[in-house]
Structure formats: structure tokens, C-alpha cells
N, C-alpha and C. Protein backbone atom coordinates (compact mmCIF):
# COMPACT_ATOMS: atom_id res chain seq x y z
N MET A 1 30.34 -21.26 -9.86
CA MET A 1 30.53 -20.86 -8.50
C MET A 1 31.05 -19.42 -8.49
N LEU A 2 30.47 -18.59 -7.64
CA LEU A 2 30.96 -17.24 -7.45
C LEU A 2 31.50 -17.14 -6.03
N SER A 3 32.70 -16.59 -5.89
CA SER A 3 33.29 -16.45 -4.56
C SER A 3 34.02 -15.13 -4.44
N ARG A 4 34.30 -14.74 -3.22
CA ARG A 4 35.02 -13.49 -2.96
C ARG A 4 36.54 -13.66 -3.09
N ASP A 5 37.02 -14.89 -3.11
CA ASP A 5 38.46 -15.14 -3.22
C ASP A 5 38.74 -16.18 -4.30
N ALA A 6 39.96 -16.17 -4.81
CA ALA A 6 40.33 -17.06 -5.91
C ALA A 6 40.41 -18.52 -5.48
N GLU A 7 40.57 -18.77 -4.19
CA GLU A 7 40.67 -20.16 -3.71
C GLU A 7 39.31 -20.80 -3.45
N ARG A 8 38.23 -20.07 -3.71
CA ARG A 8 36.85 -20.55 -3.57
C ARG A 8 36.51 -20.92 -2.13
N LYS A 9 37.00 -20.14 -1.17
CA LYS A 9 36.70 -20.40 0.25
C LYS A 9 35.51 -19.57 0.74
N ALA A 10 35.27 -18.40 0.13
CA ALA A 10 34.15 -17.53 0.52
C ALA A 10 33.12 -17.53 -0.60
N VAL A 11 32.41 -18.64 -0.74
CA VAL A 11 31.44 -18.82 -1.83
C VAL A 11 30.19 -17.98 -1.55
N VAL A 12 29.76 -17.20 -2.55
CA VAL A 12 28.53 -16.40 -2.42
C VAL A 12 27.40 -16.98 -3.26
N TRP A 13 27.70 -17.81 -4.23
CA TRP A 13 26.68 -18.47 -5.05
C TRP A 13 27.29 -19.71 -5.67
N GLN A 14 26.49 -20.77 -5.74
CA GLN A 14 26.94 -22.00 -6.39
C GLN A 14 25.74 -22.63 -7.09
N GLY A 15 25.97 -23.12 -8.28
CA GLY A 15 24.90 -23.75 -9.03
C GLY A 15 25.44 -24.50 -10.22
N SER A 16 24.54 -25.09 -10.96
CA SER A 16 24.93 -25.81 -12.17
C SER A 16 24.03 -25.35 -13.31
N SER A 17 24.50 -25.58 -14.53
CA SER A 17 23.76 -25.13 -15.70
C SER A 17 23.91 -26.15 -16.82
N PRO A 18 22.80 -26.67 -17.32
CA PRO A 18 22.89 -27.62 -18.43
C PRO A 18 23.23 -26.95 -19.76
N ASP A 19 22.97 -25.63 -19.87
CA ASP A 19 23.21 -24.95 -21.15
C ASP A 19 24.37 -23.95 -21.09
N GLY A 20 25.05 -23.83 -19.96
CA GLY A 20 26.20 -22.94 -19.86
C GLY A 20 25.87 -21.51 -19.48
N ARG A 21 24.60 -21.22 -19.20
CA ARG A 21 24.21 -19.87 -18.80
C ARG A 21 24.26 -19.74 -17.29
N LEU A 22 24.59 -18.54 -16.83
CA LEU A 22 24.69 -18.28 -15.40
C LEU A 22 23.52 -17.41 -14.97
N HIS A 23 22.74 -17.90 -14.02
CA HIS A 23 21.62 -17.15 -13.46
C HIS A 23 21.82 -17.07 -11.96
N ALA A 24 22.59 -16.08 -11.52
CA ALA A 24 22.89 -15.91 -10.10
C ALA A 24 22.06 -14.74 -9.57
N THR A 25 21.05 -15.04 -8.80
CA THR A 25 20.21 -13.98 -8.23
C THR A 25 20.59 -13.78 -6.77
N GLY A 26 20.41 -12.55 -6.31
CA GLY A 26 20.68 -12.23 -4.92
C GLY A 26 22.14 -11.96 -4.62
N VAL A 27 22.96 -11.82 -5.63
CA VAL A 27 24.38 -11.54 -5.43
C VAL A 27 24.58 -10.03 -5.52
N LYS A 28 25.17 -9.45 -4.49
CA LYS A 28 25.40 -8.00 -4.47
C LYS A 28 26.50 -7.64 -5.46
N PRO A 29 26.37 -6.47 -6.12
CA PRO A 29 27.40 -6.05 -7.07
C PRO A 29 28.74 -5.80 -6.38
N ALA A 30 29.72 -6.57 -6.74
CA ALA A 30 31.07 -6.43 -6.20
C ALA A 30 31.99 -7.27 -7.09
N ALA A 31 33.26 -7.11 -6.89
CA ALA A 31 34.22 -7.94 -7.62
C ALA A 31 34.15 -9.36 -7.06
N VAL A 32 33.93 -10.32 -7.93
CA VAL A 32 33.83 -11.72 -7.52
C VAL A 32 34.66 -12.58 -8.47
N TYR A 33 34.98 -13.75 -8.02
CA TYR A 33 35.68 -14.73 -8.85
C TYR A 33 34.67 -15.74 -9.36
N LEU A 34 34.67 -15.96 -10.66
CA LEU A 34 33.83 -16.96 -11.29
C LEU A 34 34.69 -18.20 -11.51
N ALA A 35 34.27 -19.30 -10.92
CA ALA A 35 34.97 -20.58 -11.09
C ALA A 35 34.00 -21.53 -11.80
N ALA A 36 34.42 -22.06 -12.93
CA ALA A 36 33.57 -22.96 -13.70
C ALA A 36 34.38 -24.19 -14.10
N ARG A 37 33.68 -25.29 -14.21
CA ARG A 37 34.33 -26.52 -14.70
C ARG A 37 33.31 -27.34 -15.46
N LEU A 38 33.81 -28.13 -16.36
CA LEU A 38 32.98 -28.99 -17.19
C LEU A 38 32.80 -30.33 -16.50
N VAL A 39 31.55 -30.79 -16.46
CA VAL A 39 31.26 -32.12 -15.91
C VAL A 39 30.70 -32.95 -17.05
N GLU A 40 31.35 -34.05 -17.32
CA GLU A 40 30.94 -34.95 -18.40
C GLU A 40 29.65 -35.69 -18.04
N ALA A 41 29.04 -36.32 -19.00
CA ALA A 41 27.79 -37.06 -18.79
C ALA A 41 27.97 -38.20 -17.80
N ASP A 42 29.17 -38.77 -17.72
CA ASP A 42 29.41 -39.87 -16.78
C ASP A 42 29.75 -39.38 -15.37
N GLY A 43 29.74 -38.04 -15.16
CA GLY A 43 30.02 -37.49 -13.83
C GLY A 43 31.46 -37.07 -13.61
N THR A 44 32.32 -37.31 -14.56
CA THR A 44 33.72 -36.93 -14.44
C THR A 44 33.84 -35.41 -14.55
N ALA A 45 34.45 -34.79 -13.53
CA ALA A 45 34.57 -33.33 -13.50
C ALA A 45 36.00 -32.92 -13.80
N GLY A 46 36.13 -31.89 -14.61
CA GLY A 46 37.44 -31.35 -14.95
C GLY A 46 37.89 -30.33 -13.92
N PRO A 47 39.04 -29.72 -14.13
CA PRO A 47 39.55 -28.71 -13.19
C PRO A 47 38.77 -27.39 -13.32
N TYR A 48 38.81 -26.62 -12.25
CA TYR A 48 38.15 -25.30 -12.28
C TYR A 48 38.96 -24.32 -13.10
N ALA A 49 38.28 -23.49 -13.85
CA ALA A 49 38.87 -22.32 -14.51
C ALA A 49 38.32 -21.12 -13.75
N THR A 50 39.20 -20.30 -13.17
CA THR A 50 38.79 -19.19 -12.32
C THR A 50 39.19 -17.87 -12.94
N ARG A 51 38.24 -16.92 -12.97
CA ARG A 51 38.49 -15.59 -13.51
C ARG A 51 37.86 -14.54 -12.61
N LEU A 52 38.51 -13.40 -12.48
CA LEU A 52 37.99 -12.28 -11.71
C LEU A 52 37.00 -11.51 -12.57
N ILE A 53 35.83 -11.24 -12.02
CA ILE A 53 34.82 -10.43 -12.69
C ILE A 53 34.60 -9.19 -11.84
N GLU A 54 34.86 -8.03 -12.41
CA GLU A 54 34.68 -6.78 -11.68
C GLU A 54 33.31 -6.20 -12.01
N ALA A 55 32.59 -5.80 -10.98
CA ALA A 55 31.26 -5.22 -11.17
C ALA A 55 31.39 -3.83 -11.78
N PRO A 56 30.48 -3.49 -12.70
CA PRO A 56 30.52 -2.13 -13.25
C PRO A 56 30.16 -1.12 -12.18
N PRO A 57 30.66 0.10 -12.29
CA PRO A 57 30.31 1.10 -11.29
C PRO A 57 28.82 1.43 -11.35
N ARG A 58 28.25 1.71 -10.19
CA ARG A 58 26.83 2.02 -10.12
C ARG A 58 26.59 3.44 -10.62
N PHE A 59 25.55 3.59 -11.44
CA PHE A 59 25.19 4.91 -11.96
C PHE A 59 24.30 5.59 -10.92
N HIS A 60 24.71 6.75 -10.45
CA HIS A 60 23.94 7.49 -9.45
C HIS A 60 22.99 8.44 -10.16
N TRP A 61 21.82 7.94 -10.52
CA TRP A 61 20.83 8.74 -11.25
C TRP A 61 20.25 9.85 -10.38
N GLU A 62 20.39 9.73 -9.06
CA GLU A 62 19.83 10.74 -8.17
C GLU A 62 20.42 12.13 -8.43
N TRP A 63 21.66 12.14 -8.90
CA TRP A 63 22.32 13.42 -9.19
C TRP A 63 21.62 14.17 -10.32
N LEU A 64 20.93 13.48 -11.18
CA LEU A 64 20.21 14.13 -12.27
C LEU A 64 19.05 14.99 -11.75
N LEU A 65 18.58 14.71 -10.54
CA LEU A 65 17.50 15.52 -9.96
C LEU A 65 17.94 16.96 -9.72
N LEU A 66 19.24 17.17 -9.59
CA LEU A 66 19.75 18.52 -9.40
C LEU A 66 19.53 19.38 -10.64
N LEU A 67 19.33 18.75 -11.79
CA LEU A 67 19.11 19.48 -13.03
C LEU A 67 17.66 19.89 -13.24
N LEU A 68 16.74 19.43 -12.41
CA LEU A 68 15.33 19.75 -12.57
C LEU A 68 15.05 21.26 -12.53
N PRO A 69 15.68 22.04 -11.67
CA PRO A 69 15.42 23.49 -11.71
C PRO A 69 15.76 24.12 -13.05
N LEU A 70 16.71 23.57 -13.78
CA LEU A 70 17.06 24.11 -15.10
C LEU A 70 15.91 23.90 -16.10
N LEU A 71 15.15 22.86 -15.93
CA LEU A 71 14.02 22.61 -16.82
C LEU A 71 12.88 23.59 -16.59
N ALA A 72 12.80 24.15 -15.38
CA ALA A 72 11.73 25.09 -15.06
C ALA A 72 12.00 26.45 -15.67
N MET A 73 13.20 26.73 -16.11
CA MET A 73 13.53 28.04 -16.66
C MET A 73 13.02 28.21 -18.07
């Protein structure tokens, strides 16, 4: 589960994974909380483990276009 707050009230994505991999599509880059828990084969679910994940800063490649006139010299 990905949410905007640690209490999991503003959920932006929720899913399950049989192999432990996370495939969250359509989530905008921002700081989110990842909450995960183990569910046993009999359906018994453990407690959530919650961690803050900060999105890496976006690389503004458009600024590199300013260097194009230097290549013409």
C-alpha cells in the first residue's frame, strides 16, 4: 500500500504481490509511505511495517538545450 500519510488514510495505490515485488503504475513522483504486511497461506495477516520513501529529484534535461549554441562554435 502506498499512501500520503503514515496512518494509511490517503491511499494512492494498493495491491498484493505473490513474489514480494512492487509494481505501482500511475503514481506521481512524491514522498509516499510504503506499508507492507505478510499474509500467511491460511489468510492470517501480520501487522503493517510502514516506511517513508522519498522520490528522487527530477532531472531537468531541458536545461541542456541551452548548451546547443556552444556545439555550433
